[in-house]
N, C-alpha and C. Protein backbone atom coordinates (compact mmCIF):
# COMPACT_ATOMS: atom_id res chain seq x y z
N ALA A 1 114.16 92.64 94.57
CA ALA A 1 113.76 94.04 94.49
C ALA A 1 112.98 94.26 93.20
N THR A 2 112.14 95.26 93.20
CA THR A 2 111.38 95.61 92.00
C THR A 2 111.98 96.87 91.38
N ASP A 3 111.97 96.92 90.07
CA ASP A 3 112.57 98.03 89.34
C ASP A 3 111.44 98.81 88.69
N HIS A 4 111.21 100.05 89.16
CA HIS A 4 110.04 100.80 88.73
C HIS A 4 110.40 101.93 87.78
N SER A 5 109.38 102.57 87.27
CA SER A 5 109.54 103.58 86.23
C SER A 5 110.28 104.81 86.72
N ILE A 6 110.74 105.60 85.76
CA ILE A 6 111.53 106.78 86.08
C ILE A 6 110.68 107.85 86.76
N LEU A 7 111.21 108.43 87.83
CA LEU A 7 110.57 109.53 88.52
C LEU A 7 110.87 110.83 87.77
N PRO A 8 110.18 111.92 88.10
CA PRO A 8 110.46 113.20 87.43
C PRO A 8 111.93 113.62 87.54
N SER A 9 112.63 113.13 88.55
CA SER A 9 114.04 113.46 88.73
C SER A 9 114.96 112.58 87.88
N ASN A 10 114.36 111.69 87.07
CA ASN A 10 115.09 110.77 86.19
C ASN A 10 115.78 109.63 86.92
N TRP A 11 115.37 109.36 88.15
CA TRP A 11 115.89 108.22 88.90
C TRP A 11 114.86 107.09 88.89
N TYR A 12 115.33 105.86 88.78
CA TYR A 12 114.48 104.69 89.00
C TYR A 12 114.45 104.40 90.50
N THR A 13 113.43 103.68 90.94
CA THR A 13 113.38 103.26 92.34
C THR A 13 113.29 101.74 92.42
N MET A 14 113.90 101.18 93.43
CA MET A 14 113.85 99.74 93.67
C MET A 14 113.45 99.50 95.12
N THR A 15 112.50 98.62 95.33
CA THR A 15 112.01 98.31 96.68
C THR A 15 111.80 96.81 96.79
N GLY A 16 112.22 96.23 97.87
CA GLY A 16 112.02 94.80 98.07
C GLY A 16 112.03 94.46 99.54
N ILE A 17 111.72 93.21 99.83
CA ILE A 17 111.71 92.72 101.20
C ILE A 17 112.72 91.59 101.34
N PHE A 18 113.57 91.68 102.33
CA PHE A 18 114.55 90.64 102.62
C PHE A 18 114.20 90.00 103.95
N SER A 19 113.98 88.69 103.93
CA SER A 19 113.67 87.95 105.15
C SER A 19 114.90 87.15 105.56
N ALA A 20 115.46 87.48 106.71
CA ALA A 20 116.68 86.82 107.17
C ALA A 20 116.41 85.38 107.58
N THR A 21 117.25 84.48 107.13
CA THR A 21 117.16 83.08 107.52
C THR A 21 117.98 82.86 108.80
N PHE A 22 117.94 81.65 109.31
CA PHE A 22 118.74 81.31 110.49
C PHE A 22 120.22 81.51 110.20
N ALA A 23 120.64 81.13 109.00
CA ALA A 23 122.05 81.30 108.61
C ALA A 23 122.42 82.77 108.55
N ASP A 24 121.52 83.60 108.01
CA ASP A 24 121.79 85.04 107.95
C ASP A 24 121.97 85.62 109.35
N ALA A 25 121.09 85.22 110.25
CA ALA A 25 121.12 85.76 111.61
C ALA A 25 122.39 85.37 112.36
N ASN A 26 123.00 84.26 111.96
CA ASN A 26 124.20 83.79 112.66
C ASN A 26 125.49 84.06 111.91
N SER A 27 125.41 84.78 110.80
CA SER A 27 126.63 85.14 110.06
C SER A 27 127.27 86.37 110.69
N ASP A 28 128.55 86.58 110.41
CA ASP A 28 129.25 87.72 111.00
C ASP A 28 129.16 88.98 110.14
N ARG A 29 128.65 88.85 108.90
CA ARG A 29 128.44 90.03 108.08
C ARG A 29 127.46 89.72 106.95
N SER A 30 126.83 90.77 106.42
CA SER A 30 125.94 90.65 105.28
C SER A 30 126.38 91.63 104.21
N VAL A 31 126.22 91.26 102.95
CA VAL A 31 126.68 92.08 101.83
C VAL A 31 125.51 92.39 100.91
N LEU A 32 125.34 93.66 100.59
CA LEU A 32 124.36 94.11 99.60
C LEU A 32 125.10 94.43 98.31
N SER A 33 124.69 93.82 97.20
CA SER A 33 125.39 94.04 95.94
C SER A 33 124.40 94.19 94.79
N PHE A 34 124.83 94.81 93.72
CA PHE A 34 124.04 94.98 92.50
C PHE A 34 124.77 94.23 91.39
N LYS A 35 124.09 93.25 90.79
CA LYS A 35 124.74 92.39 89.82
C LYS A 35 124.02 92.43 88.47
N GLU A 36 124.63 91.75 87.50
CA GLU A 36 124.07 91.58 86.16
C GLU A 36 123.85 92.90 85.44
N LEU A 37 124.72 93.87 85.68
CA LEU A 37 124.66 95.14 84.95
C LEU A 37 125.35 94.97 83.60
N HIS A 38 124.67 95.37 82.53
CA HIS A 38 125.24 95.23 81.20
C HIS A 38 126.53 96.06 81.11
N GLN A 39 127.52 95.50 80.42
CA GLN A 39 128.84 96.14 80.36
C GLN A 39 128.82 97.52 79.70
N SER A 40 127.76 97.81 78.94
CA SER A 40 127.67 99.12 78.29
C SER A 40 127.04 100.18 79.20
N LYS A 41 126.60 99.77 80.38
CA LYS A 41 125.90 100.68 81.28
C LYS A 41 126.76 101.07 82.48
N ARG A 42 126.43 102.23 83.04
CA ARG A 42 127.00 102.66 84.32
C ARG A 42 125.87 102.76 85.34
N LEU A 43 126.14 102.40 86.56
CA LEU A 43 125.11 102.41 87.59
C LEU A 43 125.43 103.46 88.64
N LEU A 44 124.51 104.38 88.85
CA LEU A 44 124.63 105.39 89.90
C LEU A 44 123.58 105.08 90.97
N ILE A 45 123.98 105.14 92.23
CA ILE A 45 123.10 104.75 93.33
C ILE A 45 123.08 105.85 94.37
N GLN A 46 121.89 106.11 94.91
CA GLN A 46 121.78 107.02 96.04
C GLN A 46 120.59 106.62 96.91
N ASN A 47 120.62 107.10 98.15
CA ASN A 47 119.52 106.87 99.10
C ASN A 47 119.20 105.38 99.30
N VAL A 48 120.24 104.59 99.55
CA VAL A 48 120.05 103.17 99.84
C VAL A 48 119.83 102.99 101.34
N SER A 49 118.81 102.26 101.70
CA SER A 49 118.54 102.02 103.12
C SER A 49 117.93 100.65 103.31
N ILE A 50 118.18 100.06 104.48
CA ILE A 50 117.56 98.81 104.88
C ILE A 50 116.95 99.05 106.26
N THR A 51 115.65 99.04 106.35
CA THR A 51 114.97 99.33 107.61
C THR A 51 114.12 98.14 108.05
N HIS A 52 113.90 98.05 109.33
CA HIS A 52 113.10 96.95 109.86
C HIS A 52 111.64 97.12 109.46
N LEU A 53 111.04 96.03 109.01
CA LEU A 53 109.63 96.04 108.62
C LEU A 53 108.86 95.22 109.65
N PRO A 54 108.14 95.87 110.55
CA PRO A 54 107.43 95.13 111.60
C PRO A 54 106.39 94.18 111.01
N LYS A 55 106.22 93.05 111.64
CA LYS A 55 105.20 92.11 111.18
C LYS A 55 103.82 92.68 111.47
N ASP A 56 103.01 92.78 110.42
CA ASP A 56 101.66 93.32 110.55
C ASP A 56 100.71 92.41 109.78
N CYS A 57 99.94 91.61 110.51
CA CYS A 57 99.05 90.65 109.87
C CYS A 57 97.63 91.18 109.72
N SER A 58 97.45 92.48 109.85
CA SER A 58 96.12 93.05 109.65
C SER A 58 95.75 93.06 108.17
N ASN A 59 96.77 93.07 107.29
CA ASN A 59 96.55 93.05 105.85
C ASN A 59 97.76 92.36 105.21
N LEU A 60 97.51 91.34 104.42
CA LEU A 60 98.60 90.62 103.77
C LEU A 60 99.27 91.43 102.67
N ILE A 61 98.55 92.38 102.11
CA ILE A 61 99.03 93.13 100.95
C ILE A 61 99.69 94.44 101.38
N LEU A 62 100.86 94.70 100.84
CA LEU A 62 101.55 95.98 101.06
C LEU A 62 101.30 96.89 99.86
N ASN A 63 101.04 98.15 100.14
CA ASN A 63 100.84 99.15 99.09
C ASN A 63 99.67 98.77 98.16
N GLY A 64 98.61 98.26 98.75
CA GLY A 64 97.46 97.85 97.96
C GLY A 64 96.62 98.99 97.44
N ASN A 65 96.82 100.19 97.99
CA ASN A 65 96.10 101.37 97.46
C ASN A 65 97.06 102.49 97.08
N ALA A 66 98.27 102.07 96.68
CA ALA A 66 99.29 103.02 96.19
C ALA A 66 99.61 104.10 97.21
N GLU A 67 99.65 103.70 98.48
CA GLU A 67 99.91 104.69 99.53
C GLU A 67 101.39 105.02 99.70
N TYR A 68 102.27 104.22 99.07
CA TYR A 68 103.70 104.44 99.21
C TYR A 68 104.24 105.28 98.05
N ASP A 69 104.34 106.56 98.24
CA ASP A 69 105.02 107.44 97.30
C ASP A 69 104.41 107.37 95.90
N ARG A 70 105.24 107.57 94.88
CA ARG A 70 104.76 107.67 93.50
C ARG A 70 105.09 106.44 92.66
N THR A 71 105.62 105.41 93.27
CA THR A 71 105.95 104.20 92.54
C THR A 71 105.27 102.99 93.17
N PRO A 72 105.03 101.93 92.39
CA PRO A 72 104.30 100.76 92.91
C PRO A 72 105.18 99.85 93.76
N ARG A 73 105.64 100.39 94.87
CA ARG A 73 106.54 99.63 95.74
C ARG A 73 105.93 98.31 96.17
N PHE A 74 106.79 97.30 96.23
CA PHE A 74 106.46 95.92 96.61
C PHE A 74 105.71 95.15 95.53
N TRP A 75 105.31 95.82 94.45
CA TRP A 75 104.66 95.16 93.33
C TRP A 75 105.64 95.02 92.16
N SER A 76 105.46 93.99 91.39
CA SER A 76 106.19 93.83 90.13
C SER A 76 105.34 92.99 89.19
N HIS A 77 105.79 92.84 87.95
CA HIS A 77 105.07 91.98 87.02
C HIS A 77 105.53 90.54 87.18
N TRP A 78 104.59 89.64 86.97
CA TRP A 78 104.85 88.21 87.15
C TRP A 78 105.97 87.73 86.23
N ILE A 79 105.93 88.13 84.97
CA ILE A 79 106.96 87.74 84.00
C ILE A 79 108.01 88.84 83.94
N ARG A 80 109.15 88.57 84.52
CA ARG A 80 110.22 89.57 84.54
C ARG A 80 110.79 89.74 83.14
N GLY A 81 110.88 90.99 82.70
CA GLY A 81 111.41 91.26 81.38
C GLY A 81 110.43 90.96 80.27
N GLY A 82 109.16 90.75 80.61
CA GLY A 82 108.17 90.40 79.60
C GLY A 82 107.55 91.57 78.88
N GLY A 83 107.92 92.78 79.27
CA GLY A 83 107.41 93.96 78.59
C GLY A 83 106.26 94.65 79.28
N GLY A 84 105.66 94.01 80.30
CA GLY A 84 104.55 94.62 81.01
C GLY A 84 104.97 95.87 81.77
N LYS A 85 104.06 96.82 81.90
CA LYS A 85 104.34 98.08 82.59
C LYS A 85 103.47 98.17 83.84
N LEU A 86 104.03 98.74 84.88
CA LEU A 86 103.32 98.90 86.15
C LEU A 86 103.69 100.25 86.73
N GLU A 87 102.68 101.04 87.07
CA GLU A 87 102.95 102.37 87.59
C GLU A 87 101.81 102.83 88.50
N VAL A 88 102.06 103.92 89.20
CA VAL A 88 101.03 104.57 90.01
C VAL A 88 100.52 105.77 89.22
N THR A 89 99.21 105.89 89.12
CA THR A 89 98.63 106.98 88.36
C THR A 89 97.38 107.50 89.05
N SER A 90 96.95 108.68 88.66
CA SER A 90 95.69 109.23 89.17
C SER A 90 94.56 108.78 88.24
N PHE A 91 93.41 108.48 88.84
CA PHE A 91 92.30 108.02 88.02
C PHE A 91 90.99 108.41 88.69
N GLY A 92 90.21 109.23 88.02
CA GLY A 92 88.90 109.62 88.53
C GLY A 92 88.98 110.23 89.92
N SER A 93 88.11 109.77 90.82
CA SER A 93 88.07 110.32 92.17
C SER A 93 89.17 109.76 93.07
N SER A 94 89.84 108.68 92.62
CA SER A 94 90.92 108.10 93.42
C SER A 94 92.18 108.95 93.24
N ASN A 95 92.83 109.27 94.34
CA ASN A 95 94.03 110.08 94.28
C ASN A 95 95.15 109.35 93.54
N ARG A 96 95.40 108.09 93.94
CA ARG A 96 96.42 107.28 93.28
C ARG A 96 95.93 105.84 93.21
N VAL A 97 96.18 105.19 92.08
CA VAL A 97 95.83 103.79 91.90
C VAL A 97 96.99 103.09 91.20
N LEU A 98 97.00 101.76 91.25
CA LEU A 98 97.99 100.96 90.55
C LEU A 98 97.49 100.67 89.14
N HIS A 99 98.38 100.80 88.17
CA HIS A 99 98.00 100.65 86.77
C HIS A 99 98.94 99.64 86.11
N SER A 100 98.38 98.51 85.65
CA SER A 100 99.14 97.48 84.96
C SER A 100 98.69 97.41 83.51
N TYR A 101 99.65 97.46 82.58
CA TYR A 101 99.29 97.50 81.16
C TYR A 101 100.45 96.97 80.31
N ASN A 102 100.22 96.92 79.00
CA ASN A 102 101.22 96.49 78.03
C ASN A 102 101.69 95.05 78.29
N ARG A 103 100.73 94.17 78.63
CA ARG A 103 101.08 92.77 78.90
C ARG A 103 100.99 91.96 77.59
N PRO A 104 102.08 91.51 77.05
CA PRO A 104 102.00 90.72 75.81
C PRO A 104 101.53 89.29 76.04
N ASN A 105 101.49 88.85 77.30
CA ASN A 105 101.10 87.48 77.63
C ASN A 105 100.02 87.52 78.71
N ASP A 106 98.93 86.76 78.52
CA ASP A 106 97.85 86.81 79.51
C ASP A 106 98.26 86.21 80.85
N ARG A 107 99.34 85.43 80.88
CA ARG A 107 99.83 84.89 82.14
C ARG A 107 100.53 85.95 82.98
N ASP A 108 100.81 87.09 82.38
CA ASP A 108 101.49 88.15 83.11
C ASP A 108 100.48 89.00 83.87
N GLY A 109 100.97 89.73 84.85
CA GLY A 109 100.14 90.60 85.66
C GLY A 109 100.90 91.05 86.89
N MET A 110 100.28 91.89 87.70
CA MET A 110 100.94 92.42 88.88
C MET A 110 100.91 91.42 90.02
N HIS A 111 102.01 91.34 90.77
CA HIS A 111 102.07 90.41 91.88
C HIS A 111 103.02 90.92 92.95
N GLN A 112 102.90 90.34 94.14
CA GLN A 112 103.85 90.61 95.21
C GLN A 112 103.93 89.39 96.12
N PHE A 113 105.07 89.25 96.80
CA PHE A 113 105.24 88.19 97.78
C PHE A 113 104.75 88.69 99.14
N ILE A 114 104.06 87.82 99.86
CA ILE A 114 103.46 88.22 101.13
C ILE A 114 104.19 87.55 102.30
N ASP A 115 103.93 88.03 103.50
CA ASP A 115 104.56 87.51 104.71
C ASP A 115 103.91 86.17 105.08
N THR A 116 104.64 85.08 104.88
CA THR A 116 104.06 83.75 105.13
C THR A 116 103.81 83.48 106.61
N ARG A 117 104.44 84.24 107.49
CA ARG A 117 104.21 84.03 108.92
C ARG A 117 102.75 84.32 109.27
N CYS A 118 102.15 85.27 108.58
CA CYS A 118 100.75 85.61 108.86
C CYS A 118 99.80 84.48 108.48
N LEU A 119 100.16 83.69 107.47
CA LEU A 119 99.31 82.59 107.04
C LEU A 119 99.26 81.49 108.09
N LYS A 120 100.30 81.41 108.89
CA LYS A 120 100.34 80.40 109.94
C LYS A 120 99.56 80.84 111.18
N GLU A 121 99.32 82.16 111.30
CA GLU A 121 98.63 82.69 112.48
C GLU A 121 97.14 82.89 112.26
N VAL A 122 96.75 83.18 111.03
CA VAL A 122 95.34 83.44 110.70
C VAL A 122 94.91 82.49 109.59
N SER A 123 93.85 81.72 109.82
CA SER A 123 93.46 80.68 108.87
C SER A 123 92.40 81.12 107.87
N ALA A 124 91.73 82.24 108.14
CA ALA A 124 90.68 82.71 107.24
C ALA A 124 90.83 84.21 107.01
N TRP A 125 90.71 84.61 105.74
CA TRP A 125 90.89 86.01 105.37
C TRP A 125 89.74 86.47 104.50
N LYS A 126 89.47 87.77 104.55
CA LYS A 126 88.54 88.38 103.63
C LYS A 126 89.36 89.14 102.59
N MET A 127 89.17 88.81 101.34
CA MET A 127 89.92 89.43 100.26
C MET A 127 89.03 90.48 99.59
N SER A 128 89.51 91.70 99.53
CA SER A 128 88.75 92.79 98.95
C SER A 128 89.63 93.57 97.97
N VAL A 129 89.10 93.90 96.82
CA VAL A 129 89.87 94.64 95.82
C VAL A 129 88.91 95.42 94.92
N LYS A 130 89.35 96.59 94.49
CA LYS A 130 88.61 97.39 93.53
C LYS A 130 89.35 97.39 92.20
N MET A 131 88.62 97.12 91.10
CA MET A 131 89.23 97.04 89.77
C MET A 131 88.44 97.87 88.77
N ARG A 132 89.16 98.35 87.79
CA ARG A 132 88.52 98.96 86.62
C ARG A 132 89.35 98.59 85.40
N LEU A 133 88.69 98.33 84.29
CA LEU A 133 89.37 97.91 83.07
C LEU A 133 89.17 98.92 81.96
N LYS A 134 90.22 99.09 81.17
CA LYS A 134 90.18 99.93 79.98
C LYS A 134 90.90 99.21 78.84
N THR A 135 90.57 99.56 77.61
CA THR A 135 91.33 99.05 76.48
C THR A 135 92.54 99.95 76.27
N VAL A 136 93.42 99.52 75.39
CA VAL A 136 94.58 100.35 75.06
C VAL A 136 94.14 101.70 74.53
N GLY A 137 92.99 101.74 73.86
CA GLY A 137 92.45 102.99 73.33
C GLY A 137 91.62 103.77 74.33
N ASN A 138 91.67 103.35 75.60
CA ASN A 138 91.01 104.05 76.71
C ASN A 138 89.49 103.88 76.71
N ALA A 139 88.98 102.85 76.07
CA ALA A 139 87.54 102.57 76.10
C ALA A 139 87.22 101.71 77.32
N ASP A 140 86.03 101.90 77.89
CA ASP A 140 85.60 101.08 79.02
C ASP A 140 85.40 99.63 78.59
N VAL A 141 85.62 98.72 79.53
CA VAL A 141 85.55 97.28 79.25
C VAL A 141 84.49 96.63 80.14
N VAL A 142 83.77 95.69 79.57
CA VAL A 142 82.83 94.86 80.33
C VAL A 142 83.40 93.44 80.40
N CYS A 143 83.55 92.90 81.61
CA CYS A 143 83.98 91.52 81.78
C CYS A 143 82.90 90.78 82.55
N THR A 144 83.00 89.45 82.59
CA THR A 144 81.98 88.63 83.22
C THR A 144 82.52 87.99 84.50
N PRO A 145 82.04 88.41 85.68
CA PRO A 145 82.51 87.81 86.93
C PRO A 145 82.24 86.30 86.95
N GLY A 146 83.23 85.54 87.42
CA GLY A 146 83.07 84.10 87.51
C GLY A 146 83.38 83.34 86.24
N ASP A 147 83.52 84.05 85.12
CA ASP A 147 83.83 83.42 83.84
C ASP A 147 85.32 83.05 83.83
N VAL A 148 85.64 81.78 83.60
CA VAL A 148 87.02 81.33 83.65
C VAL A 148 87.75 81.53 82.32
N ARG A 149 87.03 81.99 81.30
CA ARG A 149 87.68 82.21 80.01
C ARG A 149 88.53 83.48 80.06
N VAL A 150 89.74 83.39 79.52
CA VAL A 150 90.69 84.50 79.59
C VAL A 150 90.18 85.74 78.88
N ASN A 151 89.57 85.58 77.72
CA ASN A 151 89.21 86.73 76.90
C ASN A 151 87.96 87.47 77.37
N SER A 152 87.13 86.84 78.22
CA SER A 152 85.89 87.48 78.63
C SER A 152 85.70 87.57 80.14
N GLY A 153 86.42 86.74 80.90
CA GLY A 153 86.26 86.74 82.34
C GLY A 153 86.96 87.90 83.03
N CYS A 154 86.42 88.32 84.17
CA CYS A 154 87.07 89.38 84.96
C CYS A 154 88.37 88.85 85.55
N PRO A 155 89.34 89.72 85.76
CA PRO A 155 90.66 89.28 86.25
C PRO A 155 90.56 88.50 87.57
N PRO A 156 91.13 87.30 87.62
CA PRO A 156 91.13 86.52 88.86
C PRO A 156 92.36 86.83 89.71
N ILE A 157 92.33 86.34 90.93
CA ILE A 157 93.47 86.48 91.85
C ILE A 157 94.10 85.10 92.02
N TRP A 158 95.41 85.05 91.82
CA TRP A 158 96.15 83.80 91.93
C TRP A 158 96.97 83.81 93.22
N ILE A 159 96.97 82.68 93.90
CA ILE A 159 97.79 82.50 95.09
C ILE A 159 98.68 81.28 94.85
N MET A 160 99.97 81.51 94.79
CA MET A 160 100.91 80.43 94.53
C MET A 160 101.98 80.40 95.61
N GLY A 161 102.41 79.20 95.98
CA GLY A 161 103.41 79.06 97.02
C GLY A 161 104.49 78.06 96.64
N TRP A 162 105.68 78.25 97.20
CA TRP A 162 106.82 77.38 96.93
C TRP A 162 107.48 76.96 98.24
N LYS A 163 108.00 75.77 98.26
CA LYS A 163 108.77 75.26 99.38
C LYS A 163 110.12 74.82 98.85
N SER A 164 111.17 75.52 99.29
CA SER A 164 112.53 75.23 98.82
C SER A 164 112.61 75.24 97.29
N GLY A 165 111.88 76.18 96.68
CA GLY A 165 111.92 76.33 95.23
C GLY A 165 110.95 75.46 94.46
N GLU A 166 110.27 74.52 95.12
CA GLU A 166 109.31 73.64 94.46
C GLU A 166 107.88 74.13 94.73
N LEU A 167 107.05 74.13 93.68
CA LEU A 167 105.67 74.57 93.81
C LEU A 167 104.92 73.69 94.80
N CYS A 168 104.29 74.32 95.81
CA CYS A 168 103.55 73.55 96.81
C CYS A 168 102.09 74.00 96.91
N HIS A 169 101.72 75.07 96.20
CA HIS A 169 100.33 75.52 96.25
C HIS A 169 100.04 76.35 95.00
N ASP A 170 98.87 76.09 94.41
CA ASP A 170 98.45 76.81 93.20
C ASP A 170 96.94 76.95 93.26
N GLU A 171 96.46 78.17 93.48
CA GLU A 171 95.03 78.41 93.68
C GLU A 171 94.59 79.67 92.94
N VAL A 172 93.42 79.61 92.35
CA VAL A 172 92.87 80.78 91.67
C VAL A 172 91.51 81.11 92.27
N ILE A 173 91.28 82.39 92.51
CA ILE A 173 90.01 82.86 93.07
C ILE A 173 89.38 83.83 92.07
N TYR A 174 88.22 83.46 91.55
CA TYR A 174 87.53 84.28 90.57
C TYR A 174 86.52 85.21 91.26
N PRO A 175 86.33 86.41 90.74
CA PRO A 175 85.27 87.27 91.27
C PRO A 175 83.95 86.52 91.26
N PRO A 176 83.17 86.60 92.31
CA PRO A 176 81.94 85.79 92.42
C PRO A 176 80.95 86.05 91.29
N ILE A 177 80.29 84.96 90.88
CA ILE A 177 79.32 85.04 89.79
C ILE A 177 78.17 85.99 90.14
N SER A 178 77.87 86.08 91.43
CA SER A 178 76.75 86.93 91.86
C SER A 178 77.05 88.42 91.70
N SER A 179 78.29 88.75 91.41
CA SER A 179 78.66 90.17 91.26
C SER A 179 78.26 90.67 89.88
N SER A 180 78.18 91.97 89.76
CA SER A 180 77.93 92.60 88.46
C SER A 180 79.09 93.53 88.15
N TRP A 181 79.32 93.78 86.86
CA TRP A 181 80.43 94.63 86.46
C TRP A 181 79.90 95.91 85.84
N LYS A 182 80.34 97.04 86.39
CA LYS A 182 79.96 98.35 85.85
C LYS A 182 81.19 98.92 85.14
N PRO A 183 81.12 99.07 83.84
CA PRO A 183 82.31 99.43 83.06
C PRO A 183 82.85 100.83 83.31
N ASN A 184 82.01 101.74 83.80
CA ASN A 184 82.45 103.14 83.92
C ASN A 184 82.81 103.53 85.36
N GLU A 185 83.11 102.55 86.20
CA GLU A 185 83.52 102.86 87.57
C GLU A 185 84.35 101.71 88.14
N PHE A 186 84.93 101.94 89.31
CA PHE A 186 85.67 100.88 89.98
C PHE A 186 84.68 99.87 90.55
N ASN A 187 84.99 98.59 90.37
CA ASN A 187 84.14 97.51 90.85
C ASN A 187 84.81 96.84 92.03
N GLU A 188 84.10 96.74 93.14
CA GLU A 188 84.67 96.13 94.34
C GLU A 188 84.21 94.68 94.46
N PHE A 189 85.18 93.80 94.66
CA PHE A 189 84.89 92.39 94.86
C PHE A 189 85.35 91.97 96.25
N ASN A 190 84.53 91.21 96.93
CA ASN A 190 84.86 90.68 98.25
C ASN A 190 84.75 89.16 98.20
N MET A 191 85.83 88.50 98.58
CA MET A 191 85.88 87.05 98.52
C MET A 191 86.52 86.51 99.79
N ASN A 192 86.12 85.33 100.19
CA ASN A 192 86.70 84.68 101.36
C ASN A 192 87.86 83.79 100.91
N PHE A 193 88.91 83.79 101.71
CA PHE A 193 90.10 83.01 101.40
C PHE A 193 90.51 82.23 102.63
N ASP A 194 90.44 80.90 102.54
CA ASP A 194 90.83 80.03 103.64
C ASP A 194 92.22 79.46 103.39
N VAL A 195 93.05 79.52 104.40
CA VAL A 195 94.42 79.02 104.29
C VAL A 195 94.41 77.50 104.41
N SER A 196 94.88 76.82 103.37
CA SER A 196 94.91 75.36 103.38
C SER A 196 96.18 74.86 104.06
N ALA A 197 96.19 73.57 104.38
CA ALA A 197 97.35 72.97 105.01
C ALA A 197 98.58 73.04 104.11
N SER A 198 98.36 72.89 102.80
CA SER A 198 99.50 72.94 101.86
C SER A 198 100.12 74.33 101.81
N LEU A 199 99.30 75.36 101.95
CA LEU A 199 99.82 76.72 101.87
C LEU A 199 100.66 77.07 103.10
N THR A 200 100.30 76.57 104.26
CA THR A 200 101.06 76.87 105.47
C THR A 200 102.47 76.27 105.42
N LYS A 201 102.68 75.29 104.55
CA LYS A 201 103.99 74.66 104.45
C LYS A 201 104.93 75.40 103.50
N CYS A 202 104.39 76.36 102.74
CA CYS A 202 105.20 77.09 101.76
C CYS A 202 106.06 78.14 102.46
N ASP A 203 107.29 78.32 101.99
CA ASP A 203 108.16 79.35 102.56
C ASP A 203 108.16 80.63 101.73
N LYS A 204 107.51 80.61 100.56
CA LYS A 204 107.36 81.81 99.73
C LYS A 204 105.99 81.76 99.08
N VAL A 205 105.22 82.85 99.20
CA VAL A 205 103.86 82.88 98.65
C VAL A 205 103.65 84.18 97.88
N SER A 206 103.07 84.06 96.71
CA SER A 206 102.78 85.21 95.85
C SER A 206 101.28 85.38 95.67
N VAL A 207 100.85 86.63 95.68
CA VAL A 207 99.46 86.99 95.34
C VAL A 207 99.52 87.83 94.07
N SER A 208 98.74 87.46 93.07
CA SER A 208 98.82 88.17 91.79
C SER A 208 97.44 88.34 91.16
N ILE A 209 97.35 89.32 90.27
CA ILE A 209 96.16 89.53 89.43
C ILE A 209 96.63 89.37 87.99
N ARG A 210 96.25 88.26 87.36
CA ARG A 210 96.74 87.96 86.02
C ARG A 210 95.83 86.92 85.36
N ARG A 211 96.21 86.48 84.16
CA ARG A 211 95.42 85.56 83.35
C ARG A 211 94.10 86.20 82.93
N PHE A 212 94.20 87.36 82.28
CA PHE A 212 93.03 87.99 81.68
C PHE A 212 93.43 88.62 80.36
N ASN A 213 92.47 89.08 79.61
CA ASN A 213 92.65 89.56 78.24
C ASN A 213 93.81 90.56 78.12
N THR A 214 94.74 90.28 77.21
CA THR A 214 95.90 91.16 77.04
C THR A 214 95.55 92.50 76.42
N ALA A 215 94.34 92.62 75.85
CA ALA A 215 93.92 93.90 75.29
C ALA A 215 93.42 94.86 76.36
N TRP A 216 93.34 94.38 77.60
CA TRP A 216 92.83 95.19 78.69
C TRP A 216 93.95 95.73 79.57
N GLU A 217 93.76 96.96 80.01
CA GLU A 217 94.60 97.55 81.05
C GLU A 217 93.80 97.56 82.35
N ILE A 218 94.47 97.28 83.45
CA ILE A 218 93.75 97.19 84.73
C ILE A 218 94.23 98.27 85.69
N TYR A 219 93.26 98.85 86.37
CA TYR A 219 93.52 99.82 87.44
C TYR A 219 93.05 99.19 88.75
N VAL A 220 93.89 99.20 89.78
CA VAL A 220 93.60 98.51 91.03
C VAL A 220 93.72 99.48 92.19
N ASP A 221 92.77 99.38 93.12
CA ASP A 221 92.78 100.24 94.32
C ASP A 221 92.25 99.44 95.50
N ASP A 222 92.68 99.83 96.70
CA ASP A 222 92.17 99.26 97.96
C ASP A 222 92.22 97.74 97.99
N PHE A 223 93.36 97.17 97.64
CA PHE A 223 93.53 95.72 97.68
C PHE A 223 93.92 95.35 99.12
């Protein structure tokens, strides 16, 4: 589950996806629990629900344009507890966008786990995302599409997969060199993504936007 920022009502929200295994399906009961609470804290819970999530392979990304309420549901930061912040905010003409900031490590960034069943059914995907960058001081940023250097290149998309806990796929997709970056607006990148044989064997796959300048804050829409 992901742990998101406080709502105006002073409640945090947590959202996650649970995929039942063969053993889960054949067990006589399932238990939902909350663990690792610090002994100095008290935990209050309300509005807990587990609902069926239909398989939808029309888009691998959930909540890619912040359409789910006021929190970045299904998204979290790559480095748990690393200090990075992730929230839904209003920006310019976009009603709501995803905002990732305060990353002390360039390896950190926003990510989510995707439905691996879709990767086995569709072998080629079109990846589309809109990005805008700002500095901590709210100044516009210029990055270089296709540049692999962390401090100057535009944020890349990482696709990583694991099989039984072991890394089985590691791929990075950079915004195409033919693109241009306009610092005062959202920049849309379109890239092709082909599912490799190694990726279809993974039982857990993450899509993330990370490995870019830590002085930059990123706003993401229509992923």
